[in-house]
Every structure is written in C-alpha cells, then in structure tokens.
Amino acid sequence: MVVECDEGQGETYGRPFTELYDQALTVRNRVPEGWSRFSVRQGEEVRAYDTRKVEGRTYAQYDAVPHAGEAVVTRLD
C-alpha cells in the first residue's frame, strides 16, 4: 500500500501537497482470522502491532506516512 497525494487533483492554496499532507493516516486492512500480531515496514522503519477485531473480523490497523514508500504488512505469529 502506498499513500501519495496527486498534486493535480486539488487546490493547494499556494503550498505544495507535501506540506498539506504530512501526517500519518490510519489504515485498516482485513487479514486472515488466525493473525494476532503483524509488522509494517515502510521505508527503513518497521513497527509491530496487535491485530484488532471489528464486528467479528480481524484487521491489521496501522499508521501509513504519505510519501514514505510502500507499507508492507507481514504476519508475525
């Protein structure tokens, strides 16, 4: 998953999109039922998380940083 802002798709109020969209976005991906922990690698950074249950389904929920490269989710357990 990659989070990028398309500079041609909106008014930037005289500022580059990289200044307007520089905060992490929370992402939730559905994962198989047996997952309980996972890691996310984005650029050089790797973080570990516990999965979340929402309405009986298992999700990997994490923060993805715009313009920081692909976020790769990997099962840890």
PDB file of N, CA and C in Angstrom:
ATOM      1  N   MET A   1       0.824  -1.148   0.000  1.00  0.00           N
ATOM      2  CA  MET A   1       0.000   0.000   0.000  1.00  0.00           C
ATOM      3  C   MET A   1       0.883   1.230   0.000  1.00  0.00           C
ATOM      4  N   VAL A   2       0.571   2.191  -0.831  1.00  0.00           N
ATOM      5  CA  VAL A   2       1.330   3.433  -0.902  1.00  0.00           C
ATOM      6  C   VAL A   2       0.374   4.597  -0.704  1.00  0.00           C
ATOM      7  N   VAL A   3       0.747   5.559   0.125  1.00  0.00           N
ATOM      8  CA  VAL A   3      -0.059   6.756   0.340  1.00  0.00           C
ATOM      9  C   VAL A   3       0.663   7.920  -0.312  1.00  0.00           C
ATOM     10  N   GLU A   4       0.080   8.440  -1.375  1.00  0.00           N
ATOM     11  CA  GLU A   4       0.645   9.590  -2.072  1.00  0.00           C
ATOM     12  C   GLU A   4      -0.468  10.557  -2.414  1.00  0.00           C
ATOM     13  N   CYS A   5      -0.133  11.813  -2.562  1.00  0.00           N
ATOM     14  CA  CYS A   5      -1.099  12.842  -2.912  1.00  0.00           C
ATOM     15  C   CYS A   5      -0.854  13.285  -4.342  1.00  0.00           C
ATOM     16  N   ASP A   6      -1.890  13.278  -5.146  1.00  0.00           N
ATOM     17  CA  ASP A   6      -1.796  13.683  -6.537  1.00  0.00           C
ATOM     18  C   ASP A   6      -1.909  15.205  -6.621  1.00  0.00           C
ATOM     19  N   GLU A   7      -0.819  15.860  -6.941  1.00  0.00           N
ATOM     20  CA  GLU A   7      -0.789  17.323  -6.954  1.00  0.00           C
ATOM     21  C   GLU A   7      -1.745  17.926  -7.968  1.00  0.00           C
ATOM     22  N   GLY A   8      -2.159  17.157  -8.967  1.00  0.00           N
ATOM     23  CA  GLY A   8      -3.070  17.677  -9.978  1.00  0.00           C
ATOM     24  C   GLY A   8      -4.531  17.556  -9.606  1.00  0.00           C
ATOM     25  N   GLN A   9      -4.848  17.033  -8.440  1.00  0.00           N
ATOM     26  CA  GLN A   9      -6.237  16.748  -8.088  1.00  0.00           C
ATOM     27  C   GLN A   9      -6.846  17.678  -7.051  1.00  0.00           C
ATOM     28  N   GLY A  10      -6.293  18.836  -6.839  1.00  0.00           N
ATOM     29  CA  GLY A  10      -6.932  19.704  -5.854  1.00  0.00           C
ATOM     30  C   GLY A  10      -6.235  21.046  -5.708  1.00  0.00           C
ATOM     31  N   GLU A  11      -6.926  21.957  -5.077  1.00  0.00           N
ATOM     32  CA  GLU A  11      -6.392  23.285  -4.790  1.00  0.00           C
ATOM     33  C   GLU A  11      -5.438  23.189  -3.604  1.00  0.00           C
ATOM     34  N   THR A  12      -4.249  23.725  -3.755  1.00  0.00           N
ATOM     35  CA  THR A  12      -3.254  23.621  -2.684  1.00  0.00           C
ATOM     36  C   THR A  12      -3.058  24.919  -1.923  1.00  0.00           C
ATOM     37  N   TYR A  13      -3.808  25.953  -2.261  1.00  0.00           N
ATOM     38  CA  TYR A  13      -3.726  27.232  -1.561  1.00  0.00           C
ATOM     39  C   TYR A  13      -2.308  27.783  -1.557  1.00  0.00           C
ATOM     40  N   GLY A  14      -1.612  27.584  -2.694  1.00  0.00           N
ATOM     41  CA  GLY A  14      -0.278  28.136  -2.855  1.00  0.00           C
ATOM     42  C   GLY A  14       0.823  27.369  -2.142  1.00  0.00           C
ATOM     43  N   ARG A  15       0.515  26.183  -1.620  1.00  0.00           N
ATOM     44  CA  ARG A  15       1.517  25.384  -0.902  1.00  0.00           C
ATOM     45  C   ARG A  15       1.624  24.009  -1.549  1.00  0.00           C
ATOM     46  N   PRO A  16       2.804  23.409  -1.529  1.00  0.00           N
ATOM     47  CA  PRO A  16       2.950  22.053  -2.075  1.00  0.00           C
ATOM     48  C   PRO A  16       2.147  21.033  -1.273  1.00  0.00           C
ATOM     49  N   PHE A  17       1.642  19.996  -1.941  1.00  0.00           N
ATOM     50  CA  PHE A  17       0.891  18.948  -1.260  1.00  0.00           C
ATOM     51  C   PHE A  17       1.694  18.304  -0.145  1.00  0.00           C
ATOM     52  N   THR A  18       3.012  18.211  -0.303  1.00  0.00           N
ATOM     53  CA  THR A  18       3.823  17.580   0.746  1.00  0.00           C
ATOM     54  C   THR A  18       3.762  18.364   2.048  1.00  0.00           C
ATOM     55  N   GLU A  19       3.445  19.649   1.995  1.00  0.00           N
ATOM     56  CA  GLU A  19       3.267  20.435   3.222  1.00  0.00           C
ATOM     57  C   GLU A  19       1.866  20.258   3.786  1.00  0.00           C
ATOM     58  N   LEU A  20       0.865  20.091   2.910  1.00  0.00           N
ATOM     59  CA  LEU A  20      -0.513  19.967   3.364  1.00  0.00           C
ATOM     60  C   LEU A  20      -0.828  18.563   3.881  1.00  0.00           C
ATOM     61  N   TYR A  21      -0.174  17.545   3.336  1.00  0.00           N
ATOM     62  CA  TYR A  21      -0.438  16.160   3.717  1.00  0.00           C
ATOM     63  C   TYR A  21       0.851  15.526   4.217  1.00  0.00           C
ATOM     64  N   ASP A  22       1.207  15.835   5.463  1.00  0.00           N
ATOM     65  CA  ASP A  22       2.451  15.327   6.028  1.00  0.00           C
ATOM     66  C   ASP A  22       2.231  14.510   7.295  1.00  0.00           C
ATOM     67  N   GLN A  23       0.976  14.222   7.619  1.00  0.00           N
ATOM     68  CA  GLN A  23       0.661  13.452   8.818  1.00  0.00           C
ATOM     69  C   GLN A  23       0.305  12.016   8.443  1.00  0.00           C
ATOM     70  N   ALA A  24       0.581  11.108   9.337  1.00  0.00           N
ATOM     71  CA  ALA A  24       0.251   9.699   9.104  1.00  0.00           C
ATOM     72  C   ALA A  24      -1.262   9.506   9.006  1.00  0.00           C
ATOM     73  N   LEU A  25      -1.653   8.550   8.186  1.00  0.00           N
ATOM     74  CA  LEU A  25      -3.056   8.186   8.025  1.00  0.00           C
ATOM     75  C   LEU A  25      -3.274   6.795   8.601  1.00  0.00           C
ATOM     76  N   THR A  26      -4.345   6.609   9.357  1.00  0.00           N
ATOM     77  CA  THR A  26      -4.644   5.292   9.899  1.00  0.00           C
ATOM     78  C   THR A  26      -5.261   4.440   8.800  1.00  0.00           C
ATOM     79  N   VAL A  27      -4.696   3.250   8.622  1.00  0.00           N
ATOM     80  CA  VAL A  27      -5.131   2.321   7.587  1.00  0.00           C
ATOM     81  C   VAL A  27      -5.580   1.036   8.266  1.00  0.00           C
ATOM     82  N   ARG A  28      -6.654   0.455   7.760  1.00  0.00           N
ATOM     83  CA  ARG A  28      -7.146  -0.813   8.307  1.00  0.00           C
ATOM     84  C   ARG A  28      -7.322  -1.790   7.141  1.00  0.00           C
ATOM     85  N   ASN A  29      -6.561  -2.908   7.185  1.00  0.00           N
ATOM     86  CA  ASN A  29      -6.647  -3.956   6.172  1.00  0.00           C
ATOM     87  C   ASN A  29      -7.167  -5.228   6.819  1.00  0.00           C
ATOM     88  N   ARG A  30      -8.131  -5.866   6.176  1.00  0.00           N
ATOM     89  CA  ARG A  30      -8.617  -7.152   6.689  1.00  0.00           C
ATOM     90  C   ARG A  30      -7.551  -8.216   6.456  1.00  0.00           C
ATOM     91  N   VAL A  31      -7.315  -9.048   7.489  1.00  0.00           N
ATOM     92  CA  VAL A  31      -6.323 -10.122   7.411  1.00  0.00           C
ATOM     93  C   VAL A  31      -6.990 -11.434   7.807  1.00  0.00           C
ATOM     94  N   PRO A  32      -6.357 -12.581   7.514  1.00  0.00           N
ATOM     95  CA  PRO A  32      -6.947 -13.871   7.883  1.00  0.00           C
ATOM     96  C   PRO A  32      -7.193 -13.986   9.385  1.00  0.00           C
ATOM     97  N   GLU A  33      -8.186 -14.762   9.735  1.00  0.00           N
ATOM     98  CA  GLU A  33      -8.637 -14.918  11.123  1.00  0.00           C
ATOM     99  C   GLU A  33      -7.531 -15.334  12.083  1.00  0.00           C
ATOM    100  N   GLY A  34      -6.561 -16.132  11.663  1.00  0.00           N
ATOM    101  CA  GLY A  34      -5.522 -16.639  12.553  1.00  0.00           C
ATOM    102  C   GLY A  34      -4.445 -15.638  12.947  1.00  0.00           C
ATOM    103  N   TRP A  35      -4.433 -14.469  12.345  1.00  0.00           N
ATOM    104  CA  TRP A  35      -3.404 -13.478  12.669  1.00  0.00           C
ATOM    105  C   TRP A  35      -3.699 -12.838  14.026  1.00  0.00           C
ATOM    106  N   SER A  36      -2.641 -12.669  14.851  1.00  0.00           N
ATOM    107  CA  SER A  36      -2.805 -11.920  16.097  1.00  0.00           C
ATOM    108  C   SER A  36      -1.785 -10.786  16.199  1.00  0.00           C
ATOM    109  N   ARG A  37      -0.640 -10.928  15.528  1.00  0.00           N
ATOM    110  CA  ARG A  37       0.385  -9.863  15.501  1.00  0.00           C
ATOM    111  C   ARG A  37       0.900  -9.728  14.074  1.00  0.00           C
ATOM    112  N   PHE A  38       1.344  -8.517  13.759  1.00  0.00           N
ATOM    113  CA  PHE A  38       1.883  -8.255  12.430  1.00  0.00           C
ATOM    114  C   PHE A  38       2.894  -7.120  12.510  1.00  0.00           C
ATOM    115  N   SER A  39       3.707  -7.004  11.470  1.00  0.00           N
ATOM    116  CA  SER A  39       4.627  -5.868  11.379  1.00  0.00           C
ATOM    117  C   SER A  39       4.313  -5.100  10.105  1.00  0.00           C
ATOM    118  N   VAL A  40       4.699  -3.833  10.117  1.00  0.00           N
ATOM    119  CA  VAL A  40       4.566  -2.977   8.941  1.00  0.00           C
ATOM    120  C   VAL A  40       5.930  -2.366   8.671  1.00  0.00           C
ATOM    121  N   ARG A  41       6.422  -2.576   7.461  1.00  0.00           N
ATOM    122  CA  ARG A  41       7.673  -1.955   7.029  1.00  0.00           C
ATOM    123  C   ARG A  41       7.315  -0.871   6.022  1.00  0.00           C
ATOM    124  N   GLN A  42       7.765   0.350   6.315  1.00  0.00           N
ATOM    125  CA  GLN A  42       7.586   1.467   5.388  1.00  0.00           C
ATOM    126  C   GLN A  42       8.908   2.224   5.359  1.00  0.00           C
ATOM    127  N   GLY A  43       9.566   2.154   4.218  1.00  0.00           N
ATOM    128  CA  GLY A  43      10.902   2.718   4.125  1.00  0.00           C
ATOM    129  C   GLY A  43      11.840   1.923   5.019  1.00  0.00           C
ATOM    130  N   GLU A  44      12.602   2.597   5.858  1.00  0.00           N
ATOM    131  CA  GLU A  44      13.537   1.937   6.774  1.00  0.00           C
ATOM    132  C   GLU A  44      12.900   1.562   8.106  1.00  0.00           C
ATOM    133  N   GLU A  45      11.691   2.038   8.349  1.00  0.00           N
ATOM    134  CA  GLU A  45      11.047   1.831   9.646  1.00  0.00           C
ATOM    135  C   GLU A  45      10.192   0.569   9.653  1.00  0.00           C
ATOM    136  N   VAL A  46      10.304  -0.205  10.737  1.00  0.00           N
ATOM    137  CA  VAL A  46       9.495  -1.400  10.936  1.00  0.00           C
ATOM    138  C   VAL A  46       8.859  -1.304  12.319  1.00  0.00           C
ATOM    139  N   ARG A  47       7.555  -1.526  12.379  1.00  0.00           N
ATOM    140  CA  ARG A  47       6.837  -1.489  13.655  1.00  0.00           C
ATOM    141  C   ARG A  47       5.968  -2.731  13.787  1.00  0.00           C
ATOM    142  N   ALA A  48       5.807  -3.208  15.020  1.00  0.00           N
ATOM    143  CA  ALA A  48       4.965  -4.374  15.303  1.00  0.00           C
ATOM    144  C   ALA A  48       3.676  -3.914  15.979  1.00  0.00           C
ATOM    145  N   TYR A  49       2.581  -4.615  15.664  1.00  0.00           N
ATOM    146  CA  TYR A  49       1.266  -4.282  16.202  1.00  0.00           C
ATOM    147  C   TYR A  49       0.497  -5.568  16.513  1.00  0.00           C
ATOM    148  N   ASP A  50      -0.541  -5.434  17.334  1.00  0.00           N
ATOM    149  CA  ASP A  50      -1.526  -6.491  17.528  1.00  0.00           C
ATOM    150  C   ASP A  50      -2.674  -6.224  16.553  1.00  0.00           C
ATOM    151  N   THR A  51      -3.305  -7.305  16.068  1.00  0.00           N
ATOM    152  CA  THR A  51      -4.469  -7.118  15.209  1.00  0.00           C
ATOM    153  C   THR A  51      -5.640  -6.628  16.052  1.00  0.00           C
ATOM    154  N   ARG A  52      -6.688  -6.185  15.366  1.00  0.00           N
ATOM    155  CA  ARG A  52      -7.904  -5.708  16.028  1.00  0.00           C
ATOM    156  C   ARG A  52      -9.097  -6.481  15.493  1.00  0.00           C
ATOM    157  N   LYS A  53     -10.041  -6.725  16.370  1.00  0.00           N
ATOM    158  CA  LYS A  53     -11.304  -7.343  15.974  1.00  0.00           C
ATOM    159  C   LYS A  53     -12.355  -6.247  15.845  1.00  0.00           C
ATOM    160  N   VAL A  54     -13.035  -6.224  14.718  1.00  0.00           N
ATOM    161  CA  VAL A  54     -14.113  -5.278  14.485  1.00  0.00           C
ATOM    162  C   VAL A  54     -15.277  -6.069  13.909  1.00  0.00           C
ATOM    163  N   GLU A  55     -16.370  -6.101  14.652  1.00  0.00           N
ATOM    164  CA  GLU A  55     -17.576  -6.830  14.240  1.00  0.00           C
ATOM    165  C   GLU A  55     -17.248  -8.267  13.835  1.00  0.00           C
ATOM    166  N   GLY A  56     -16.367  -8.919  14.622  1.00  0.00           N
ATOM    167  CA  GLY A  56     -16.025 -10.312  14.406  1.00  0.00           C
ATOM    168  C   GLY A  56     -14.989 -10.582  13.330  1.00  0.00           C
ATOM    169  N   ARG A  57     -14.474  -9.563  12.694  1.00  0.00           N
ATOM    170  CA  ARG A  57     -13.456  -9.728  11.657  1.00  0.00           C
ATOM    171  C   ARG A  57     -12.112  -9.222  12.164  1.00  0.00           C
ATOM    172  N   THR A  58     -11.021  -9.796  11.641  1.00  0.00           N
ATOM    173  CA  THR A  58      -9.670  -9.453  12.084  1.00  0.00           C
ATOM    174  C   THR A  58      -9.048  -8.453  11.110  1.00  0.00           C
ATOM    175  N   TYR A  59      -8.460  -7.394  11.678  1.00  0.00           N
ATOM    176  CA  TYR A  59      -7.852  -6.345  10.866  1.00  0.00           C
ATOM    177  C   TYR A  59      -6.444  -6.008  11.341  1.00  0.00           C
ATOM    178  N   ALA A  60      -5.601  -5.657  10.392  1.00  0.00           N
ATOM    179  CA  ALA A  60      -4.318  -5.032  10.684  1.00  0.00           C
ATOM    180  C   ALA A  60      -4.568  -3.531  10.599  1.00  0.00           C
ATOM    181  N   GLN A  61      -4.394  -2.823  11.691  1.00  0.00           N
ATOM    182  CA  GLN A  61      -4.602  -1.378  11.716  1.00  0.00           C
ATOM    183  C   GLN A  61      -3.290  -0.708  12.084  1.00  0.00           C
ATOM    184  N   TYR A  62      -2.864   0.255  11.289  1.00  0.00           N
ATOM    185  CA  TYR A  62      -1.561   0.894  11.474  1.00  0.00           C
ATOM    186  C   TYR A  62      -1.569   2.277  10.831  1.00  0.00           C
ATOM    187  N   ASP A  63      -0.532   3.041  11.105  1.00  0.00           N
ATOM    188  CA  ASP A  63      -0.382   4.371  10.507  1.00  0.00           C
ATOM    189  C   ASP A  63       0.553   4.288   9.313  1.00  0.00           C
ATOM    190  N   ALA A  64       0.123   4.853   8.187  1.00  0.00           N
ATOM    191  CA  ALA A  64       0.952   4.933   6.984  1.00  0.00           C
ATOM    192  C   ALA A  64       1.283   6.405   6.743  1.00  0.00           C
ATOM    193  N   VAL A  65       2.548   6.679   6.445  1.00  0.00           N
ATOM    194  CA  VAL A  65       3.018   8.047   6.255  1.00  0.00           C
ATOM    195  C   VAL A  65       3.011   8.379   4.761  1.00  0.00           C
ATOM    196  N   PRO A  66       2.370   9.470   4.352  1.00  0.00           N
ATOM    197  CA  PRO A  66       2.382   9.862   2.943  1.00  0.00           C
ATOM    198  C   PRO A  66       3.801  10.092   2.440  1.00  0.00           C
ATOM    199  N   HIS A  67       4.047   9.696   1.207  1.00  0.00           N
ATOM    200  CA  HIS A  67       5.326   9.924   0.513  1.00  0.00           C
ATOM    201  C   HIS A  67       6.508   9.230   1.184  1.00  0.00           C
ATOM    202  N   ALA A  68       6.259   8.157   1.953  1.00  0.00           N
ATOM    203  CA  ALA A  68       7.346   7.439   2.634  1.00  0.00           C
ATOM    204  C   ALA A  68       7.576   6.057   2.028  1.00  0.00           C
ATOM    205  N   GLY A  69       6.966   5.780   0.893  1.00  0.00           N
ATOM    206  CA  GLY A  69       7.139   4.494   0.244  1.00  0.00           C
ATOM    207  C   GLY A  69       6.064   3.498   0.593  1.00  0.00           C
ATOM    208  N   GLU A  70       6.194   2.320   0.042  1.00  0.00           N
ATOM    209  CA  GLU A  70       5.214   1.263   0.218  1.00  0.00           C
ATOM    210  C   GLU A  70       5.189   0.758   1.652  1.00  0.00           C
ATOM    211  N   ALA A  71       3.983   0.528   2.196  1.00  0.00           N
ATOM    212  CA  ALA A  71       3.816  -0.069   3.524  1.00  0.00           C
ATOM    213  C   ALA A  71       3.504  -1.545   3.323  1.00  0.00           C
ATOM    214  N   VAL A  72       4.378  -2.415   3.859  1.00  0.00           N
ATOM    215  CA  VAL A  72       4.226  -3.853   3.679  1.00  0.00           C
ATOM    216  C   VAL A  72       3.836  -4.484   5.004  1.00  0.00           C
ATOM    217  N   VAL A  73       2.707  -5.201   5.021  1.00  0.00           N
ATOM    218  CA  VAL A  73       2.185  -5.859   6.220  1.00  0.00           C
ATOM    219  C   VAL A  73       2.597  -7.324   6.180  1.00  0.00           C
ATOM    220  N   THR A  74       3.187  -7.810   7.303  1.00  0.00           N
ATOM    221  CA  THR A  74       3.658  -9.188   7.397  1.00  0.00           C
ATOM    222  C   THR A  74       3.186  -9.799   8.709  1.00  0.00           C
ATOM    223  N   ARG A  75       2.691 -11.016   8.632  1.00  0.00           N
ATOM    224  CA  ARG A  75       2.253 -11.732   9.834  1.00  0.00           C
ATOM    225  C   ARG A  75       3.453 -12.064  10.717  1.00  0.00           C
ATOM    226  N   LEU A  76       3.317 -11.912  12.039  1.00  0.00           N
ATOM    227  CA  LEU A  76       4.394 -12.207  12.972  1.00  0.00           C
ATOM    228  C   LEU A  76       4.182 -13.486  13.762  1.00  0.00           C
ATOM    229  N   ASP A  77       2.965 -13.966  13.926  1.00  0.00           N
ATOM    230  CA  ASP A  77       2.728 -15.130  14.772  1.00  0.00           C
ATOM    231  C   ASP A  77       2.596 -16.402  13.969  1.00  0.00           C
TER     232      ASP A  77
END
